[in-house]
Amino acid sequence: MRKEEIEELAGLLQHSSVKKLEIAGDGWALRLDREVPKPKDNLEAEATPVPGLQAPVPKPDHTPSQTVVDAPMVGVFHHNRPPVALGRPIRAGDVLGQIEALTLLSEVHSPFDGEIVEIRVDDGQPVEYGQPLFVLQGAKG
């Protein structure tokens, strides 16, 4: 494994929720650990529910007729050339962008026909697994 690949992995690890990464190859192994800061005591107390009170229900970040397309992996997001645009009609299987990890590109596809109503990531932005990338509206297949 090249030094550049190790540095890229370390950078991706820094910007993700992953705490530990282990990779092994033919005759080598690599382990990267990231220390996650613990929350302060006063923040933990604020998050503790009070008996008898109902916790607030989180507001969804999209309407029921919309679907959020999440990142299927950790990496760096790249828009298509030309990039997809708001209101653009899309078909099931269309490539919305790519996620680069270890110099490999993995495509992010539309799950159904519809249109893009929100783009939530910039080109070159590090993304985490499950991070919202796009909001789509249309007919779910």
N, C-alpha and C. Protein backbone atom coordinates (compact mmCIF):
# COMPACT_ATOMS: atom_id res chain seq x y z
N MET A 1 0.85 -1.16 0.00
CA MET A 1 0.00 0.00 0.00
C MET A 1 0.90 1.23 0.00
N ARG A 2 0.59 2.18 -0.86
CA ARG A 2 1.39 3.39 -0.99
C ARG A 2 1.08 4.38 0.11
N LYS A 3 2.05 5.24 0.39
CA LYS A 3 1.91 6.28 1.42
C LYS A 3 0.71 7.17 1.13
N GLU A 4 0.49 7.53 -0.13
CA GLU A 4 -0.63 8.40 -0.51
C GLU A 4 -1.97 7.75 -0.17
N GLU A 5 -2.07 6.44 -0.38
CA GLU A 5 -3.30 5.71 -0.07
C GLU A 5 -3.57 5.70 1.43
N ILE A 6 -2.50 5.53 2.22
CA ILE A 6 -2.65 5.53 3.68
C ILE A 6 -3.08 6.92 4.15
N GLU A 7 -2.47 7.97 3.59
CA GLU A 7 -2.84 9.34 3.96
C GLU A 7 -4.29 9.63 3.58
N GLU A 8 -4.74 9.13 2.43
CA GLU A 8 -6.12 9.33 2.00
C GLU A 8 -7.09 8.62 2.95
N LEU A 9 -6.75 7.39 3.35
CA LEU A 9 -7.58 6.67 4.30
C LEU A 9 -7.66 7.41 5.63
N ALA A 10 -6.52 7.91 6.10
CA ALA A 10 -6.50 8.65 7.37
C ALA A 10 -7.37 9.89 7.28
N GLY A 11 -7.34 10.58 6.14
CA GLY A 11 -8.18 11.77 5.95
C GLY A 11 -9.66 11.42 5.93
N LEU A 12 -10.01 10.33 5.26
CA LEU A 12 -11.41 9.90 5.22
C LEU A 12 -11.89 9.50 6.61
N LEU A 13 -11.02 8.83 7.35
CA LEU A 13 -11.37 8.39 8.71
C LEU A 13 -11.63 9.60 9.60
N GLN A 14 -10.85 10.64 9.43
CA GLN A 14 -10.98 11.86 10.24
C GLN A 14 -12.36 12.49 10.07
N HIS A 15 -12.93 12.42 8.86
CA HIS A 15 -14.20 13.07 8.56
C HIS A 15 -15.38 12.10 8.53
N SER A 16 -15.27 10.99 9.24
CA SER A 16 -16.36 10.02 9.26
C SER A 16 -16.69 9.63 10.69
N SER A 17 -17.72 8.83 10.84
CA SER A 17 -18.10 8.34 12.16
C SER A 17 -17.40 7.03 12.49
N VAL A 18 -16.58 6.53 11.57
CA VAL A 18 -15.84 5.29 11.80
C VAL A 18 -14.72 5.56 12.80
N LYS A 19 -14.58 4.68 13.80
CA LYS A 19 -13.56 4.86 14.83
C LYS A 19 -12.31 4.05 14.56
N LYS A 20 -12.47 2.92 13.87
CA LYS A 20 -11.34 2.01 13.65
C LYS A 20 -11.46 1.42 12.25
N LEU A 21 -10.31 1.30 11.57
CA LEU A 21 -10.28 0.73 10.24
C LEU A 21 -9.09 -0.22 10.17
N GLU A 22 -9.33 -1.46 9.77
CA GLU A 22 -8.28 -2.45 9.61
C GLU A 22 -8.34 -3.01 8.21
N ILE A 23 -7.19 -3.03 7.55
CA ILE A 23 -7.08 -3.55 6.18
C ILE A 23 -5.85 -4.44 6.14
N ALA A 24 -5.97 -5.57 5.46
CA ALA A 24 -4.83 -6.47 5.33
C ALA A 24 -4.68 -6.88 3.87
N GLY A 25 -3.45 -7.08 3.48
CA GLY A 25 -3.16 -7.53 2.13
C GLY A 25 -2.19 -8.68 2.19
N ASP A 26 -1.60 -8.99 1.07
CA ASP A 26 -0.66 -10.09 0.99
C ASP A 26 0.65 -9.70 1.68
N GLY A 27 0.81 -10.14 2.92
CA GLY A 27 2.03 -9.87 3.67
C GLY A 27 2.07 -8.54 4.39
N TRP A 28 0.95 -7.82 4.47
CA TRP A 28 0.91 -6.55 5.19
C TRP A 28 -0.44 -6.35 5.85
N ALA A 29 -0.46 -5.49 6.86
CA ALA A 29 -1.70 -5.13 7.55
C ALA A 29 -1.59 -3.68 7.98
N LEU A 30 -2.74 -2.99 7.99
CA LEU A 30 -2.80 -1.59 8.39
C LEU A 30 -3.97 -1.42 9.34
N ARG A 31 -3.74 -0.72 10.44
CA ARG A 31 -4.81 -0.43 11.40
C ARG A 31 -4.77 1.05 11.71
N LEU A 32 -5.91 1.73 11.51
CA LEU A 32 -6.04 3.14 11.83
C LEU A 32 -7.11 3.29 12.90
N ASP A 33 -6.79 4.00 13.97
CA ASP A 33 -7.75 4.28 15.05
C ASP A 33 -7.94 5.77 15.15
N ARG A 34 -9.16 6.18 15.47
CA ARG A 34 -9.47 7.59 15.66
C ARG A 34 -10.09 7.75 17.03
N GLU A 35 -9.56 8.68 17.81
CA GLU A 35 -10.11 8.94 19.13
C GLU A 35 -11.31 9.86 18.98
N VAL A 36 -12.42 9.47 19.58
CA VAL A 36 -13.65 10.25 19.52
C VAL A 36 -13.81 10.95 20.86
N PRO A 37 -13.93 12.30 20.86
CA PRO A 37 -14.10 13.00 22.13
C PRO A 37 -15.42 12.63 22.78
N LYS A 38 -15.37 12.48 24.10
CA LYS A 38 -16.58 12.15 24.85
C LYS A 38 -17.36 13.43 25.12
N PRO A 39 -18.71 13.34 25.15
CA PRO A 39 -19.49 14.54 25.45
C PRO A 39 -19.25 15.01 26.87
N LYS A 40 -19.40 16.31 27.07
CA LYS A 40 -19.23 16.88 28.40
C LYS A 40 -20.41 16.49 29.27
N ASP A 41 -20.17 16.44 30.59
CA ASP A 41 -21.20 16.02 31.54
C ASP A 41 -22.45 16.88 31.44
N ASN A 42 -22.29 18.19 31.28
CA ASN A 42 -23.49 19.05 31.24
C ASN A 42 -24.31 18.80 29.98
N LEU A 43 -23.67 18.40 28.88
CA LEU A 43 -24.42 18.07 27.68
C LEU A 43 -25.19 16.78 27.85
N GLU A 44 -24.59 15.81 28.54
CA GLU A 44 -25.29 14.55 28.80
C GLU A 44 -26.51 14.79 29.66
N ALA A 45 -26.40 15.70 30.64
CA ALA A 45 -27.53 16.00 31.52
C ALA A 45 -28.66 16.65 30.73
N GLU A 46 -28.30 17.52 29.77
CA GLU A 46 -29.33 18.17 28.97
C GLU A 46 -30.08 17.17 28.09
N ALA A 47 -29.42 16.11 27.67
CA ALA A 47 -30.04 15.14 26.78
C ALA A 47 -30.85 14.09 27.53
N THR A 48 -30.76 14.06 28.85
CA THR A 48 -31.49 13.07 29.64
C THR A 48 -32.96 13.46 29.70
N PRO A 49 -33.88 12.56 29.28
CA PRO A 49 -35.30 12.91 29.33
C PRO A 49 -35.81 13.02 30.76
N VAL A 50 -36.74 13.94 30.96
CA VAL A 50 -37.35 14.13 32.27
C VAL A 50 -38.57 13.22 32.36
N PRO A 51 -38.69 12.43 33.46
CA PRO A 51 -39.84 11.53 33.57
C PRO A 51 -41.16 12.32 33.48
N GLY A 52 -42.09 11.74 32.74
CA GLY A 52 -43.40 12.37 32.60
C GLY A 52 -43.50 13.32 31.42
N LEU A 53 -42.36 13.69 30.84
CA LEU A 53 -42.37 14.58 29.67
C LEU A 53 -42.03 13.77 28.44
N GLN A 54 -42.73 14.07 27.38
CA GLN A 54 -42.48 13.36 26.13
C GLN A 54 -41.35 14.04 25.38
N ALA A 55 -40.43 13.25 24.86
CA ALA A 55 -39.32 13.81 24.09
C ALA A 55 -39.86 14.37 22.78
N PRO A 56 -39.28 15.47 22.29
CA PRO A 56 -39.75 16.03 21.02
C PRO A 56 -39.50 15.06 19.87
N VAL A 57 -40.43 15.03 18.95
CA VAL A 57 -40.31 14.16 17.78
C VAL A 57 -39.49 14.90 16.74
N PRO A 58 -38.40 14.27 16.24
CA PRO A 58 -37.59 14.98 15.26
C PRO A 58 -38.36 15.23 13.98
N LYS A 59 -38.16 16.41 13.42
CA LYS A 59 -38.84 16.79 12.18
C LYS A 59 -38.10 16.14 11.00
N PRO A 60 -38.83 15.46 10.11
CA PRO A 60 -38.15 14.82 8.98
C PRO A 60 -37.53 15.89 8.09
N ASP A 61 -36.44 15.53 7.40
CA ASP A 61 -35.77 16.50 6.55
C ASP A 61 -36.29 16.47 5.11
N HIS A 62 -37.44 15.85 4.90
CA HIS A 62 -38.07 15.82 3.59
C HIS A 62 -39.55 15.48 3.77
N THR A 63 -40.36 15.73 2.74
CA THR A 63 -41.78 15.43 2.83
C THR A 63 -41.99 13.95 2.53
N PRO A 64 -43.16 13.39 2.93
CA PRO A 64 -43.41 11.96 2.70
C PRO A 64 -43.35 11.54 1.24
N SER A 65 -43.63 12.45 0.30
CA SER A 65 -43.60 12.08 -1.12
C SER A 65 -42.19 12.15 -1.70
N GLN A 66 -41.23 12.49 -0.87
CA GLN A 66 -39.85 12.59 -1.33
C GLN A 66 -39.00 11.47 -0.72
N THR A 67 -37.90 11.18 -1.37
CA THR A 67 -36.98 10.16 -0.89
C THR A 67 -35.58 10.74 -0.86
N VAL A 68 -34.86 10.47 0.23
CA VAL A 68 -33.48 10.91 0.36
C VAL A 68 -32.57 9.79 -0.14
N VAL A 69 -31.63 10.13 -1.02
CA VAL A 69 -30.62 9.18 -1.48
C VAL A 69 -29.40 9.39 -0.60
N ASP A 70 -29.03 8.36 0.17
CA ASP A 70 -27.92 8.44 1.11
C ASP A 70 -26.64 7.88 0.50
N ALA A 71 -25.52 8.29 1.07
CA ALA A 71 -24.23 7.76 0.65
C ALA A 71 -24.13 6.29 1.04
N PRO A 72 -23.81 5.41 0.10
CA PRO A 72 -23.70 3.99 0.42
C PRO A 72 -22.35 3.61 1.04
N MET A 73 -21.44 4.59 1.14
CA MET A 73 -20.11 4.31 1.67
C MET A 73 -19.43 5.61 2.09
N VAL A 74 -18.32 5.49 2.78
CA VAL A 74 -17.49 6.63 3.17
C VAL A 74 -16.55 6.94 2.02
N GLY A 75 -16.37 8.22 1.73
CA GLY A 75 -15.45 8.60 0.67
C GLY A 75 -15.59 10.07 0.34
N VAL A 76 -15.17 10.43 -0.85
CA VAL A 76 -15.26 11.80 -1.34
C VAL A 76 -16.26 11.81 -2.49
N PHE A 77 -17.28 12.67 -2.38
CA PHE A 77 -18.33 12.71 -3.39
C PHE A 77 -17.90 13.56 -4.58
N HIS A 78 -18.22 13.07 -5.79
CA HIS A 78 -17.95 13.81 -7.02
C HIS A 78 -19.24 13.87 -7.84
N HIS A 79 -19.60 15.08 -8.27
CA HIS A 79 -20.75 15.24 -9.16
C HIS A 79 -20.38 14.76 -10.55
N ASN A 80 -21.37 14.37 -11.32
CA ASN A 80 -21.16 14.01 -12.72
C ASN A 80 -20.69 15.24 -13.48
N ARG A 81 -20.16 15.02 -14.66
CA ARG A 81 -19.79 16.11 -15.56
C ARG A 81 -20.65 15.97 -16.80
N PRO A 82 -21.63 16.81 -17.09
CA PRO A 82 -22.08 17.93 -16.25
C PRO A 82 -22.85 17.40 -15.04
N PRO A 83 -22.87 18.19 -13.95
CA PRO A 83 -23.57 17.73 -12.74
C PRO A 83 -25.08 17.69 -12.94
N VAL A 84 -25.74 16.86 -12.13
CA VAL A 84 -27.20 16.82 -12.16
C VAL A 84 -27.70 18.16 -11.65
N ALA A 85 -28.90 18.55 -12.07
CA ALA A 85 -29.43 19.86 -11.72
C ALA A 85 -30.79 19.72 -11.05
N LEU A 86 -31.14 20.70 -10.23
CA LEU A 86 -32.45 20.72 -9.59
C LEU A 86 -33.54 20.72 -10.65
N GLY A 87 -34.58 19.95 -10.39
CA GLY A 87 -35.72 19.88 -11.31
C GLY A 87 -35.47 19.00 -12.53
N ARG A 88 -34.27 18.50 -12.67
CA ARG A 88 -33.95 17.66 -13.83
C ARG A 88 -34.66 16.32 -13.72
N PRO A 89 -35.37 15.91 -14.77
CA PRO A 89 -35.98 14.58 -14.75
C PRO A 89 -34.89 13.50 -14.75
N ILE A 90 -35.11 12.46 -13.96
CA ILE A 90 -34.18 11.35 -13.90
C ILE A 90 -34.95 10.05 -14.04
N ARG A 91 -34.25 9.02 -14.45
CA ARG A 91 -34.84 7.69 -14.60
C ARG A 91 -34.18 6.76 -13.60
N ALA A 92 -34.90 5.72 -13.23
CA ALA A 92 -34.33 4.72 -12.33
C ALA A 92 -33.02 4.20 -12.90
N GLY A 93 -31.98 4.19 -12.07
CA GLY A 93 -30.68 3.70 -12.51
C GLY A 93 -29.74 4.77 -13.02
N ASP A 94 -30.25 6.01 -13.25
CA ASP A 94 -29.36 7.09 -13.68
C ASP A 94 -28.29 7.33 -12.63
N VAL A 95 -27.09 7.64 -13.08
CA VAL A 95 -25.98 7.94 -12.18
C VAL A 95 -26.10 9.38 -11.71
N LEU A 96 -26.18 9.56 -10.39
CA LEU A 96 -26.30 10.90 -9.80
C LEU A 96 -24.93 11.48 -9.45
N GLY A 97 -23.95 10.63 -9.25
CA GLY A 97 -22.60 11.05 -8.90
C GLY A 97 -21.78 9.83 -8.55
N GLN A 98 -20.56 10.07 -8.07
CA GLN A 98 -19.69 8.97 -7.68
C GLN A 98 -19.08 9.27 -6.31
N ILE A 99 -18.73 8.21 -5.59
CA ILE A 99 -18.00 8.34 -4.33
C ILE A 99 -16.65 7.67 -4.53
N GLU A 100 -15.60 8.43 -4.24
CA GLU A 100 -14.24 7.94 -4.40
C GLU A 100 -13.71 7.47 -3.05
N ALA A 101 -13.22 6.25 -3.01
CA ALA A 101 -12.57 5.69 -1.82
C ALA A 101 -11.40 4.84 -2.29
N LEU A 102 -10.23 5.12 -1.78
CA LEU A 102 -9.01 4.41 -2.18
C LEU A 102 -8.80 4.47 -3.68
N THR A 103 -9.03 5.63 -4.26
CA THR A 103 -8.88 5.92 -5.69
C THR A 103 -9.84 5.12 -6.59
N LEU A 104 -10.82 4.43 -6.00
CA LEU A 104 -11.84 3.73 -6.78
C LEU A 104 -13.12 4.54 -6.73
N LEU A 105 -13.82 4.63 -7.86
CA LEU A 105 -15.08 5.36 -7.94
C LEU A 105 -16.25 4.38 -7.92
N SER A 106 -17.21 4.65 -7.04
CA SER A 106 -18.45 3.86 -6.97
C SER A 106 -19.60 4.79 -7.32
N GLU A 107 -20.43 4.37 -8.26
CA GLU A 107 -21.53 5.21 -8.71
C GLU A 107 -22.69 5.20 -7.73
N VAL A 108 -23.37 6.35 -7.63
CA VAL A 108 -24.60 6.49 -6.85
C VAL A 108 -25.73 6.62 -7.87
N HIS A 109 -26.71 5.69 -7.80
CA HIS A 109 -27.78 5.63 -8.80
C HIS A 109 -29.11 6.11 -8.22
N SER A 110 -29.97 6.60 -9.11
CA SER A 110 -31.33 6.96 -8.72
C SER A 110 -32.14 5.67 -8.51
N PRO A 111 -32.89 5.59 -7.40
CA PRO A 111 -33.68 4.38 -7.15
C PRO A 111 -34.97 4.31 -7.95
N PHE A 112 -35.42 5.43 -8.55
CA PHE A 112 -36.68 5.44 -9.30
C PHE A 112 -36.73 6.64 -10.25
N ASP A 113 -37.75 6.66 -11.11
CA ASP A 113 -37.99 7.81 -11.99
C ASP A 113 -38.51 8.97 -11.17
N GLY A 114 -38.14 10.16 -11.54
CA GLY A 114 -38.63 11.34 -10.84
C GLY A 114 -37.81 12.56 -11.18
N GLU A 115 -37.61 13.42 -10.17
CA GLU A 115 -36.78 14.60 -10.38
C GLU A 115 -36.02 14.93 -9.10
N ILE A 116 -34.92 15.65 -9.27
CA ILE A 116 -34.09 16.06 -8.14
C ILE A 116 -34.66 17.35 -7.58
N VAL A 117 -35.01 17.33 -6.29
CA VAL A 117 -35.56 18.53 -5.66
C VAL A 117 -34.57 19.19 -4.69
N GLU A 118 -33.49 18.48 -4.34
CA GLU A 118 -32.48 19.07 -3.47
C GLU A 118 -31.16 18.33 -3.65
N ILE A 119 -30.06 19.10 -3.72
CA ILE A 119 -28.71 18.56 -3.77
C ILE A 119 -28.04 18.97 -2.47
N ARG A 120 -27.59 17.99 -1.69
CA ARG A 120 -27.09 18.28 -0.35
C ARG A 120 -25.58 18.21 -0.19
N VAL A 121 -24.84 17.89 -1.25
CA VAL A 121 -23.39 17.79 -1.14
C VAL A 121 -22.72 18.55 -2.28
N ASP A 122 -21.55 19.06 -1.98
CA ASP A 122 -20.75 19.76 -2.98
C ASP A 122 -19.76 18.78 -3.61
N ASP A 123 -19.29 19.14 -4.78
CA ASP A 123 -18.28 18.34 -5.45
C ASP A 123 -17.00 18.35 -4.61
N GLY A 124 -16.43 17.17 -4.38
CA GLY A 124 -15.20 17.07 -3.61
C GLY A 124 -15.39 17.02 -2.12
N GLN A 125 -16.65 16.99 -1.66
CA GLN A 125 -16.94 16.97 -0.22
C GLN A 125 -16.81 15.56 0.34
N PRO A 126 -16.09 15.39 1.48
CA PRO A 126 -16.07 14.07 2.13
C PRO A 126 -17.47 13.73 2.64
N VAL A 127 -17.87 12.47 2.46
CA VAL A 127 -19.19 12.02 2.93
C VAL A 127 -19.04 10.78 3.79
N GLU A 128 -20.00 10.59 4.67
CA GLU A 128 -20.03 9.43 5.55
C GLU A 128 -21.11 8.48 5.07
N TYR A 129 -21.01 7.23 5.50
CA TYR A 129 -22.04 6.24 5.19
C TYR A 129 -23.37 6.75 5.73
N GLY A 130 -24.41 6.73 4.90
CA GLY A 130 -25.74 7.15 5.32
C GLY A 130 -26.00 8.64 5.25
N GLN A 131 -25.00 9.44 4.86
CA GLN A 131 -25.19 10.89 4.77
C GLN A 131 -26.09 11.21 3.58
N PRO A 132 -27.09 12.10 3.75
CA PRO A 132 -27.96 12.46 2.63
C PRO A 132 -27.18 13.16 1.52
N LEU A 133 -27.38 12.71 0.28
CA LEU A 133 -26.74 13.30 -0.89
C LEU A 133 -27.73 14.09 -1.73
N PHE A 134 -28.90 13.49 -1.99
CA PHE A 134 -29.93 14.10 -2.84
C PHE A 134 -31.30 13.83 -2.24
N VAL A 135 -32.25 14.73 -2.55
CA VAL A 135 -33.65 14.47 -2.26
C VAL A 135 -34.35 14.38 -3.61
N LEU A 136 -35.08 13.25 -3.79
CA LEU A 136 -35.77 13.00 -5.05
C LEU A 136 -37.28 12.97 -4.82
N GLN A 137 -38.01 13.34 -5.85
CA GLN A 137 -39.46 13.24 -5.79
C GLN A 137 -39.91 12.57 -7.07
N GLY A 138 -40.82 11.62 -6.94
CA GLY A 138 -41.30 10.94 -8.13
C GLY A 138 -41.99 9.64 -7.78
N ALA A 139 -42.19 8.84 -8.79
CA ALA A 139 -42.91 7.57 -8.65
C ALA A 139 -41.94 6.49 -8.21
N LYS A 140 -42.10 6.00 -7.01
CA LYS A 140 -41.25 4.93 -6.50
C LYS A 140 -41.67 3.62 -7.16
N GLY A 141 -40.67 2.92 -7.69
CA GLY A 141 -40.97 1.69 -8.42
C GLY A 141 -41.19 0.59 -7.52
